[in-house]
C-alpha atoms as a PDB file:
ATOM      1  CA  MET A   1      45.448 -25.915  -9.008  1.00  0.00           C
ATOM      2  CA  ARG A   2      46.976 -24.868  -5.724  1.00  0.00           C
ATOM      3  CA  LEU A   3      47.940 -21.369  -4.714  1.00  0.00           C
ATOM      4  CA  VAL A   4      49.962 -20.846  -1.552  1.00  0.00           C
ATOM      5  CA  GLY A   5      48.566 -23.951   0.080  1.00  0.00           C
ATOM      6  CA  ALA A   6      44.981 -23.442  -1.095  1.00  0.00           C
ATOM      7  CA  THR A   7      42.796 -25.325  -3.519  1.00  0.00           C
ATOM      8  CA  VAL A   8      40.976 -23.782  -6.466  1.00  0.00           C
ATOM      9  CA  GLY A   9      38.240 -21.479  -5.225  1.00  0.00           C
ATOM     10  CA  GLU A  10      39.553 -21.313  -1.653  1.00  0.00           C
ATOM     11  CA  ARG A  11      40.130 -17.803  -0.320  1.00  0.00           C
ATOM     12  CA  VAL A  12      43.799 -16.895   0.079  1.00  0.00           C
ATOM     13  CA  PRO A  13      43.906 -13.491   1.779  1.00  0.00           C
ATOM     14  CA  ASP A  14      47.682 -13.436   2.260  1.00  0.00           C
ATOM     15  CA  ALA A  15      48.709 -14.425  -1.275  1.00  0.00           C
ATOM     16  CA  SER A  16      51.164 -11.947  -2.705  1.00  0.00           C
ATOM     17  CA  GLU A  17      50.375 -10.527  -6.119  1.00  0.00           C
ATOM     18  CA  ARG A  18      53.562 -12.123  -7.488  1.00  0.00           C
ATOM     19  CA  LEU A  19      52.634 -15.637  -6.259  1.00  0.00           C
ATOM     20  CA  PHE A  20      49.099 -15.137  -7.548  1.00  0.00           C
ATOM     21  CA  GLN A  21      50.404 -14.017 -10.940  1.00  0.00           C
ATOM     22  CA  ASP A  22      52.780 -16.992 -11.143  1.00  0.00           C
ATOM     23  CA  ALA A  23      49.863 -19.376 -10.498  1.00  0.00           C
ATOM     24  CA  VAL A  24      47.689 -17.680 -13.146  1.00  0.00           C
ATOM     25  CA  VAL A  25      50.517 -17.708 -15.717  1.00  0.00           C
ATOM     26  CA  LYS A  26      51.150 -21.429 -15.141  1.00  0.00           C
ATOM     27  CA  LEU A  27      47.449 -22.181 -15.509  1.00  0.00           C
ATOM     28  CA  ALA A  28      47.337 -20.090 -18.699  1.00  0.00           C
ATOM     29  CA  ALA A  29      50.289 -21.968 -20.204  1.00  0.00           C
ATOM     30  CA  MET A  30      48.590 -25.300 -19.453  1.00  0.00           C
ATOM     31  CA  ASN A  31      45.625 -24.082 -21.503  1.00  0.00           C
ATOM     32  CA  GLY A  32      47.609 -22.826 -24.515  1.00  0.00           C
ATOM     33  CA  TRP A  33      47.802 -19.126 -23.720  1.00  0.00           C
ATOM     34  CA  ASP A  34      50.838 -16.931 -24.293  1.00  0.00           C
ATOM     35  CA  VAL A  35      51.156 -14.291 -21.587  1.00  0.00           C
ATOM     36  CA  HIS A  36      52.595 -10.782 -21.875  1.00  0.00           C
ATOM     37  CA  HIS A  37      53.494  -8.919 -18.713  1.00  0.00           C
ATOM     38  CA  VAL A  38      55.521  -5.742 -18.306  1.00  0.00           C
ATOM     39  CA  ARG A  39      57.236  -5.831 -14.938  1.00  0.00           C
ATOM     40  CA  ALA A  40      57.394  -2.613 -12.992  1.00  0.00           C
ATOM     41  CA  GLY A  41      60.723  -1.373 -11.722  1.00  0.00           C
ATOM     42  CA  LYS A  42      60.938  -0.041  -8.185  1.00  0.00           C
ATOM     43  CA  PHE A  43      62.420   3.405  -7.702  1.00  0.00           C
ATOM     44  CA  GLY A  44      62.418   4.105  -3.978  1.00  0.00           C
ATOM     45  CA  ASN A  45      58.808   3.577  -2.910  1.00  0.00           C
ATOM     46  CA  ILE A  46      57.439   4.084  -6.431  1.00  0.00           C
ATOM     47  CA  TYR A  47      56.783   1.355  -9.005  1.00  0.00           C
ATOM     48  CA  LYS A  48      57.017   2.433 -12.637  1.00  0.00           C
ATOM     49  CA  THR A  49      56.817   0.733 -16.042  1.00  0.00           C
ATOM     50  CA  ASP A  50      57.987   1.917 -19.431  1.00  0.00           C
ATOM     51  CA  GLY A  51      54.562   1.129 -20.880  1.00  0.00           C
ATOM     52  CA  LEU A  52      51.350   3.109 -20.804  1.00  0.00           C
ATOM     53  CA  PRO A  53      50.557   3.840 -17.129  1.00  0.00           C
ATOM     54  CA  GLY A  54      47.500   2.112 -15.698  1.00  0.00           C
ATOM     55  CA  MET A  55      47.365  -0.736 -18.225  1.00  0.00           C
ATOM     56  CA  PRO A  56      46.237  -4.124 -16.864  1.00  0.00           C
ATOM     57  CA  ASP A  57      48.974  -6.461 -15.609  1.00  0.00           C
ATOM     58  CA  VAL A  58      48.638  -9.251 -18.124  1.00  0.00           C
ATOM     59  CA  LEU A  59      47.662  -9.754 -21.770  1.00  0.00           C
ATOM     60  CA  PHE A  60      46.623 -13.303 -22.760  1.00  0.00           C
ATOM     61  CA  ILE A  61      46.796 -14.399 -26.412  1.00  0.00           C
ATOM     62  CA  HIS A  62      45.821 -17.930 -27.352  1.00  0.00           C
ATOM     63  CA  GLN A  63      48.462 -19.890 -29.273  1.00  0.00           C
ATOM     64  CA  LYS A  64      46.087 -21.716 -31.637  1.00  0.00           C
ATOM     65  CA  PHE A  65      42.635 -20.170 -31.493  1.00  0.00           C
ATOM     66  CA  ALA A  66      41.134 -16.700 -31.746  1.00  0.00           C
ATOM     67  CA  GLY A  67      41.302 -15.357 -28.266  1.00  0.00           C
ATOM     68  CA  MET A  68      42.818 -12.384 -26.500  1.00  0.00           C
ATOM     69  CA  PHE A  69      42.013 -10.605 -23.262  1.00  0.00           C
ATOM     70  CA  TRP A  70      43.499  -8.532 -20.445  1.00  0.00           C
ATOM     71  CA  ALA A  71      43.549  -9.140 -16.694  1.00  0.00           C
ATOM     72  CA  GLU A  72      44.515  -6.948 -13.776  1.00  0.00           C
ATOM     73  CA  LEU A  73      45.658  -9.165 -10.895  1.00  0.00           C
ATOM     74  CA  LYS A  74      45.125  -7.896  -7.375  1.00  0.00           C
ATOM     75  CA  THR A  75      45.595  -9.325  -3.914  1.00  0.00           C
ATOM     76  CA  GLU A  76      42.431  -9.744  -1.854  1.00  0.00           C
ATOM     77  CA  THR A  77      42.878  -6.266  -0.405  1.00  0.00           C
ATOM     78  CA  GLY A  78      44.513  -4.558  -3.405  1.00  0.00           C
ATOM     79  CA  ARG A  79      42.676  -1.621  -4.955  1.00  0.00           C
ATOM     80  CA  LEU A  80      42.532  -0.283  -8.479  1.00  0.00           C
ATOM     81  CA  SER A  81      44.034   3.161  -8.881  1.00  0.00           C
ATOM     82  CA  PRO A  82      41.928   5.816 -10.619  1.00  0.00           C
ATOM     83  CA  LEU A  83      44.212   5.508 -13.662  1.00  0.00           C
ATOM     84  CA  GLN A  84      43.799   1.709 -13.733  1.00  0.00           C
ATOM     85  CA  LYS A  85      40.012   2.153 -13.641  1.00  0.00           C
ATOM     86  CA  LEU A  86      40.253   4.626 -16.529  1.00  0.00           C
ATOM     87  CA  ARG A  87      42.396   2.285 -18.660  1.00  0.00           C
ATOM     88  CA  ILE A  88      40.074  -0.665 -18.023  1.00  0.00           C
ATOM     89  CA  GLU A  89      37.074   1.417 -19.109  1.00  0.00           C
ATOM     90  CA  GLN A  90      38.966   2.632 -22.213  1.00  0.00           C
ATOM     91  CA  LEU A  91      39.801  -0.937 -23.196  1.00  0.00           C
ATOM     92  CA  LYS A  92      36.213  -2.094 -22.661  1.00  0.00           C
ATOM     93  CA  ARG A  93      34.829   0.821 -24.701  1.00  0.00           C
ATOM     94  CA  ASN A  94      37.099  -0.348 -27.508  1.00  0.00           C
ATOM     95  CA  GLY A  95      35.742  -3.887 -27.395  1.00  0.00           C
ATOM     96  CA  ALA A  96      38.425  -5.526 -25.250  1.00  0.00           C
ATOM     97  CA  GLU A  97      37.656  -8.230 -22.723  1.00  0.00           C
ATOM     98  CA  VAL A  98      39.145  -7.156 -19.383  1.00  0.00           C
ATOM     99  CA  HIS A  99      39.027  -8.872 -15.988  1.00  0.00           C
ATOM    100  CA  VAL A 100      40.057  -7.857 -12.482  1.00  0.00           C
ATOM    101  CA  TRP A 101      41.006 -11.079 -10.732  1.00  0.00           C
ATOM    102  CA  ARG A 102      41.785 -11.901  -7.098  1.00  0.00           C
ATOM    103  CA  PRO A 103      43.162 -15.096  -5.517  1.00  0.00           C
ATOM    104  CA  HIS A 104      39.753 -16.289  -4.270  1.00  0.00           C
ATOM    105  CA  GLN A 105      38.587 -16.415  -7.918  1.00  0.00           C
ATOM    106  CA  MET A 106      40.917 -19.236  -9.019  1.00  0.00           C
ATOM    107  CA  GLN A 107      38.021 -21.431 -10.156  1.00  0.00           C
ATOM    108  CA  GLN A 108      36.565 -18.593 -12.259  1.00  0.00           C
ATOM    109  CA  ILE A 109      40.039 -17.912 -13.666  1.00  0.00           C
ATOM    110  CA  ALA A 110      40.545 -21.594 -14.492  1.00  0.00           C
ATOM    111  CA  ASP A 111      37.152 -21.668 -16.213  1.00  0.00           C
ATOM    112  CA  ARG A 112      37.996 -18.609 -18.362  1.00  0.00           C
ATOM    113  CA  LEU A 113      41.402 -19.960 -19.330  1.00  0.00           C
ATOM    114  CA  ALA A 114      39.816 -23.273 -20.369  1.00  0.00           C
ATOM    115  CA  ASP A 115      37.058 -21.458 -22.292  1.00  0.00           C
ATOM    116  CA  TRP A 116      38.943 -21.665 -25.627  1.00  0.00           C
ATOM    117  CA  ARG A 117      37.907 -25.326 -25.791  1.00  0.00           C
ATOM    118  CA  LYS A 118      34.297 -24.245 -26.374  1.00  0.00           C
ATOM    119  CA  HIS A 119      35.176 -22.608 -29.697  1.00  0.00           C
END
């Protein structure tokens, strides 16, 4: 899998979150995952969604097997907001699998998305 001219596992410090997300979504589809993402609308300098604020970017649900998890996708320098940290902890306390992924983790991401084959 390539991401902005890089190979899996290679650090890509300038990858935009959108390009990173597109690469992860394509990899997920190749492994049988349906992906739910609520896009934020931009209002001036503020991004806002209609959903619950602070929720992770992406929900993965496997098409054939039992499997569901969340992932927050960040650039190499992106930071979690306090509300994002709170939502991630809430989800984990309720038994959800939640990841925070960055472009340099493409091999780890690929491994998790292929993990359904072990079941």
